[in-house]
Amino acid sequence: MVPTYDIANSYKNIMELLVDEEIDQQTCTWSSEEAQRVNRIEVAARALNQLPPLYASSQEGVTLQYERAQQDHRQEITAAVSEALEAVKQLPWKGSTPFDIR
């Protein structure tokens, strides 16, 4: 199902949505303790750095890019998330300062 967006800015990288969905898919069978030990934001950032951006500036664009990514990049997304999960699981938690979103 293609998502809809009510976003304040005028564009969205659809690859972010697909990476988040793939992280959910690959971690859904993990125990809650294991899932809590992995920084999902770090996983997403690592995976996204390996994937092409797919920006959309309208709901029609979201639909088009979402379908394009499903067809053309599904295996890349799965592999990038898998590699990012493994890398982040190997790193000791150092803590981080999240962005201040205002």
C-alpha atoms as a PDB file:
ATOM      1  CA  MET A   1       0.000   0.000   0.000  1.00  0.00           C
ATOM      2  CA  VAL A   2       1.389   3.369  -0.999  1.00  0.00           C
ATOM      3  CA  PRO A   3       1.498   5.798   1.936  1.00  0.00           C
ATOM      4  CA  THR A   4       0.055   9.294   1.945  1.00  0.00           C
ATOM      5  CA  TYR A   5       1.879  12.236   3.440  1.00  0.00           C
ATOM      6  CA  ASP A   6       0.865  15.396   5.178  1.00  0.00           C
ATOM      7  CA  ILE A   7       4.260  17.043   5.227  1.00  0.00           C
ATOM      8  CA  ALA A   8       5.201  20.588   6.066  1.00  0.00           C
ATOM      9  CA  ASN A   9       8.097  20.723   3.625  1.00  0.00           C
ATOM     10  CA  SER A  10       7.629  20.385  -0.099  1.00  0.00           C
ATOM     11  CA  TYR A  11       9.552  17.166  -0.729  1.00  0.00           C
ATOM     12  CA  LYS A  12      10.163  13.716   0.746  1.00  0.00           C
ATOM     13  CA  ASN A  13      12.774  11.036   0.106  1.00  0.00           C
ATOM     14  CA  ILE A  14      10.639   7.931  -0.381  1.00  0.00           C
ATOM     15  CA  MET A  15      13.672   5.723   0.196  1.00  0.00           C
ATOM     16  CA  GLU A  16      13.479   6.724   3.885  1.00  0.00           C
ATOM     17  CA  LEU A  17      10.020   5.198   4.142  1.00  0.00           C
ATOM     18  CA  LEU A  18      11.103   1.991   2.412  1.00  0.00           C
ATOM     19  CA  VAL A  19      14.168   1.635   4.630  1.00  0.00           C
ATOM     20  CA  ASP A  20      12.027   2.100   7.751  1.00  0.00           C
ATOM     21  CA  GLU A  21       9.596  -0.551   6.482  1.00  0.00           C
ATOM     22  CA  GLU A  22      12.482  -2.930   5.774  1.00  0.00           C
ATOM     23  CA  ILE A  23      13.966  -2.403   9.241  1.00  0.00           C
ATOM     24  CA  ASP A  24      10.557  -3.311  10.694  1.00  0.00           C
ATOM     25  CA  GLN A  25      10.391  -6.402   8.479  1.00  0.00           C
ATOM     26  CA  GLN A  26      13.869  -7.631   9.371  1.00  0.00           C
ATOM     27  CA  THR A  27      13.504  -7.027  13.113  1.00  0.00           C
ATOM     28  CA  CYS A  28       9.900  -8.139  13.675  1.00  0.00           C
ATOM     29  CA  THR A  29      10.987 -11.541  15.029  1.00  0.00           C
ATOM     30  CA  TRP A  30      13.631 -10.132  17.375  1.00  0.00           C
ATOM     31  CA  SER A  31      13.122 -10.138  21.113  1.00  0.00           C
ATOM     32  CA  SER A  32      12.299  -6.747  22.614  1.00  0.00           C
ATOM     33  CA  GLU A  33      15.689  -6.729  24.379  1.00  0.00           C
ATOM     34  CA  GLU A  34      17.553  -7.311  21.117  1.00  0.00           C
ATOM     35  CA  ALA A  35      15.507  -4.679  19.292  1.00  0.00           C
ATOM     36  CA  GLN A  36      16.144  -2.099  22.026  1.00  0.00           C
ATOM     37  CA  ARG A  37      19.917  -2.606  21.790  1.00  0.00           C
ATOM     38  CA  VAL A  38      19.995  -1.482  18.163  1.00  0.00           C
ATOM     39  CA  ASN A  39      19.820   2.208  17.295  1.00  0.00           C
ATOM     40  CA  ARG A  40      17.266   2.231  14.450  1.00  0.00           C
ATOM     41  CA  ILE A  41      18.226   5.750  13.416  1.00  0.00           C
ATOM     42  CA  GLU A  42      21.837   4.683  12.940  1.00  0.00           C
ATOM     43  CA  VAL A  43      20.691   1.634  10.964  1.00  0.00           C
ATOM     44  CA  ALA A  44      18.511   3.773   8.706  1.00  0.00           C
ATOM     45  CA  ALA A  45      21.267   6.358   8.142  1.00  0.00           C
ATOM     46  CA  ARG A  46      23.803   3.652   7.238  1.00  0.00           C
ATOM     47  CA  ALA A  47      21.387   1.940   4.858  1.00  0.00           C
ATOM     48  CA  LEU A  48      20.280   5.194   3.224  1.00  0.00           C
ATOM     49  CA  ASN A  49      23.899   6.130   2.535  1.00  0.00           C
ATOM     50  CA  GLN A  50      24.113   3.001   0.355  1.00  0.00           C
ATOM     51  CA  LEU A  51      20.924   3.685  -1.619  1.00  0.00           C
ATOM     52  CA  PRO A  52      19.880   6.220  -4.251  1.00  0.00           C
ATOM     53  CA  PRO A  53      17.511   8.967  -3.100  1.00  0.00           C
ATOM     54  CA  LEU A  54      14.013   8.939  -4.590  1.00  0.00           C
ATOM     55  CA  TYR A  55      12.408  12.298  -3.906  1.00  0.00           C
ATOM     56  CA  ALA A  56       8.791  13.214  -4.454  1.00  0.00           C
ATOM     57  CA  SER A  57       7.101  16.600  -4.234  1.00  0.00           C
ATOM     58  CA  SER A  58       3.455  15.539  -4.526  1.00  0.00           C
ATOM     59  CA  GLN A  59       1.239  12.627  -3.558  1.00  0.00           C
ATOM     60  CA  GLU A  60       1.365  11.445  -7.161  1.00  0.00           C
ATOM     61  CA  GLY A  61       5.151  11.572  -6.972  1.00  0.00           C
ATOM     62  CA  VAL A  62       5.088   9.560  -3.747  1.00  0.00           C
ATOM     63  CA  THR A  63       3.048   6.882  -5.480  1.00  0.00           C
ATOM     64  CA  LEU A  64       5.324   6.841  -8.518  1.00  0.00           C
ATOM     65  CA  GLN A  65       8.579   6.729  -6.542  1.00  0.00           C
ATOM     66  CA  TYR A  66       7.242   4.145  -4.077  1.00  0.00           C
ATOM     67  CA  GLU A  67       6.259   1.813  -6.918  1.00  0.00           C
ATOM     68  CA  ARG A  68       9.545   2.484  -8.726  1.00  0.00           C
ATOM     69  CA  ALA A  69      11.543   1.630  -5.621  1.00  0.00           C
ATOM     70  CA  GLN A  70       9.537  -1.566  -5.063  1.00  0.00           C
ATOM     71  CA  GLN A  71      10.272  -2.678  -8.636  1.00  0.00           C
ATOM     72  CA  ASP A  72      13.812  -1.452  -9.154  1.00  0.00           C
ATOM     73  CA  HIS A  73      15.442  -1.328  -5.720  1.00  0.00           C
ATOM     74  CA  ARG A  74      13.827  -3.970  -3.473  1.00  0.00           C
ATOM     75  CA  GLN A  75      16.899  -6.240  -3.349  1.00  0.00           C
ATOM     76  CA  GLU A  76      19.239  -3.283  -2.776  1.00  0.00           C
ATOM     77  CA  ILE A  77      17.070  -2.041   0.101  1.00  0.00           C
ATOM     78  CA  THR A  78      16.952  -5.488   1.717  1.00  0.00           C
ATOM     79  CA  ALA A  79      20.722  -5.910   1.433  1.00  0.00           C
ATOM     80  CA  ALA A  80      21.530  -2.386   2.652  1.00  0.00           C
ATOM     81  CA  VAL A  81      19.320  -2.766   5.729  1.00  0.00           C
ATOM     82  CA  SER A  82      20.690  -6.217   6.496  1.00  0.00           C
ATOM     83  CA  GLU A  83      24.275  -4.959   6.285  1.00  0.00           C
ATOM     84  CA  ALA A  84      23.450  -1.873   8.369  1.00  0.00           C
ATOM     85  CA  LEU A  85      21.768  -3.972  11.067  1.00  0.00           C
ATOM     86  CA  GLU A  86      24.811  -6.230  11.304  1.00  0.00           C
ATOM     87  CA  ALA A  87      27.213  -3.283  11.430  1.00  0.00           C
ATOM     88  CA  VAL A  88      25.253  -1.428  14.103  1.00  0.00           C
ATOM     89  CA  LYS A  89      24.849  -4.582  16.222  1.00  0.00           C
ATOM     90  CA  GLN A  90      28.652  -4.892  16.283  1.00  0.00           C
ATOM     91  CA  LEU A  91      29.197  -1.332  17.514  1.00  0.00           C
ATOM     92  CA  PRO A  92      29.180  -0.574  21.214  1.00  0.00           C
ATOM     93  CA  TRP A  93      26.521   2.003  22.112  1.00  0.00           C
ATOM     94  CA  LYS A  94      28.242   5.355  22.547  1.00  0.00           C
ATOM     95  CA  GLY A  95      25.140   7.467  22.815  1.00  0.00           C
ATOM     96  CA  SER A  96      24.334  10.301  20.474  1.00  0.00           C
ATOM     97  CA  THR A  97      22.777  13.719  20.457  1.00  0.00           C
ATOM     98  CA  PRO A  98      19.593  13.729  18.359  1.00  0.00           C
ATOM     99  CA  PHE A  99      18.796  16.662  16.103  1.00  0.00           C
ATOM    100  CA  ASP A 100      16.799  19.440  17.744  1.00  0.00           C
ATOM    101  CA  ILE A 101      13.700  19.558  15.543  1.00  0.00           C
ATOM    102  CA  ARG A 102      11.733  22.724  15.907  1.00  0.00           C
END
